[in-house]
C-alpha atoms as a PDB file:
ATOM      1  CA  MET A   1      -9.482 -23.089  -9.440  1.00  0.00           C
ATOM      2  CA  GLU A   2     -11.160 -26.272  -8.759  1.00  0.00           C
ATOM      3  CA  LYS A   3      -8.808 -29.688  -8.622  1.00  0.00           C
ATOM      4  CA  THR A   4     -11.375 -32.032  -7.838  1.00  0.00           C
ATOM      5  CA  GLY A   5     -10.658 -35.959  -8.247  1.00  0.00           C
ATOM      6  CA  TYR A   6      -6.580 -34.752  -7.323  1.00  0.00           C
ATOM      7  CA  THR A   7      -4.127 -34.732  -4.410  1.00  0.00           C
ATOM      8  CA  PHE A   8      -0.816 -34.148  -3.896  1.00  0.00           C
ATOM      9  CA  ALA A   9       1.614 -36.193  -5.183  1.00  0.00           C
ATOM     10  CA  GLU A  10       3.706 -38.343  -2.533  1.00  0.00           C
ATOM     11  CA  LEU A  11       7.178 -37.354  -3.357  1.00  0.00           C
ATOM     12  CA  HIS A  12       8.904 -37.542   0.092  1.00  0.00           C
ATOM     13  CA  GLY A  13      11.369 -40.115  -0.366  1.00  0.00           C
ATOM     14  CA  LYS A  14      11.904 -38.673  -3.911  1.00  0.00           C
ATOM     15  CA  ASP A  15      14.476 -35.914  -4.111  1.00  0.00           C
ATOM     16  CA  HIS A  16      15.679 -36.494  -7.574  1.00  0.00           C
ATOM     17  CA  LEU A  17      12.035 -35.963  -8.548  1.00  0.00           C
ATOM     18  CA  VAL A  18      12.149 -33.529  -6.788  1.00  0.00           C
ATOM     19  CA  ASP A  19      15.074 -31.852  -8.034  1.00  0.00           C
ATOM     20  CA  GLU A  20      14.318 -32.102 -11.281  1.00  0.00           C
ATOM     21  CA  ILE A  21      11.227 -29.836 -10.922  1.00  0.00           C
ATOM     22  CA  ARG A  22      13.077 -27.417  -9.100  1.00  0.00           C
ATOM     23  CA  GLN A  23      15.615 -27.482 -12.174  1.00  0.00           C
ATOM     24  CA  LEU A  24      12.366 -26.868 -14.489  1.00  0.00           C
ATOM     25  CA  GLU A  25      11.576 -24.053 -12.916  1.00  0.00           C
ATOM     26  CA  ASN A  26      14.141 -22.378 -13.388  1.00  0.00           C
ATOM     27  CA  ARG A  27      14.071 -22.576 -16.674  1.00  0.00           C
ATOM     28  CA  LEU A  28      11.138 -21.647 -16.805  1.00  0.00           C
ATOM     29  CA  LYS A  29      12.218 -18.810 -15.032  1.00  0.00           C
ATOM     30  CA  GLU A  30      14.953 -18.230 -17.570  1.00  0.00           C
ATOM     31  CA  GLU A  31      13.157 -18.396 -20.734  1.00  0.00           C
ATOM     32  CA  THR A  32      10.121 -16.186 -19.636  1.00  0.00           C
ATOM     33  CA  GLY A  33      11.699 -14.113 -17.159  1.00  0.00           C
ATOM     34  CA  GLU A  34       8.716 -15.132 -14.221  1.00  0.00           C
ATOM     35  CA  THR A  35       8.335 -16.644 -11.221  1.00  0.00           C
ATOM     36  CA  ILE A  36       7.047 -20.103 -12.230  1.00  0.00           C
ATOM     37  CA  THR A  37       6.071 -22.835  -9.780  1.00  0.00           C
ATOM     38  CA  LEU A  38       5.084 -26.117 -10.640  1.00  0.00           C
ATOM     39  CA  ILE A  39       2.756 -28.063  -8.546  1.00  0.00           C
ATOM     40  CA  ALA A  40       2.349 -32.117  -8.307  1.00  0.00           C
ATOM     41  CA  TYR A  41      -0.762 -33.841  -8.460  1.00  0.00           C
ATOM     42  CA  GLU A  42      -1.935 -37.067  -8.680  1.00  0.00           C
ATOM     43  CA  LYS A  43      -5.425 -38.253  -9.814  1.00  0.00           C
ATOM     44  CA  GLU A  44      -7.591 -39.385  -6.496  1.00  0.00           C
ATOM     45  CA  ASP A  45      -8.774 -42.382  -7.922  1.00  0.00           C
ATOM     46  CA  ALA A  46      -5.705 -43.797  -9.389  1.00  0.00           C
ATOM     47  CA  GLY A  47      -6.072 -47.351  -8.199  1.00  0.00           C
ATOM     48  CA  TYR A  48      -2.242 -47.886  -8.241  1.00  0.00           C
ATOM     49  CA  GLY A  49       0.866 -46.987  -7.023  1.00  0.00           C
ATOM     50  CA  ASN A  50       1.951 -47.556  -2.907  1.00  0.00           C
ATOM     51  CA  HIS A  51       2.839 -44.122  -0.909  1.00  0.00           C
ATOM     52  CA  SER A  52       4.288 -45.924   2.283  1.00  0.00           C
END
C-alpha cells in the first residue's frame, strides 16, 4: 500500500480526537463484527497547520 505524500497526523495533546477515533473503531466493530483500526494521515504538502 503506497501512501506517497502523506505522513502520520500529529495528534499529541489532542486526546479528544483520539477518543473520537477509538469510539468510531468500537462502533465499526459492533456493526461489522470485525476489528477495524483507523489510522490518521495528513498530506505532507498541506502548507498549513502548526505541529508545535
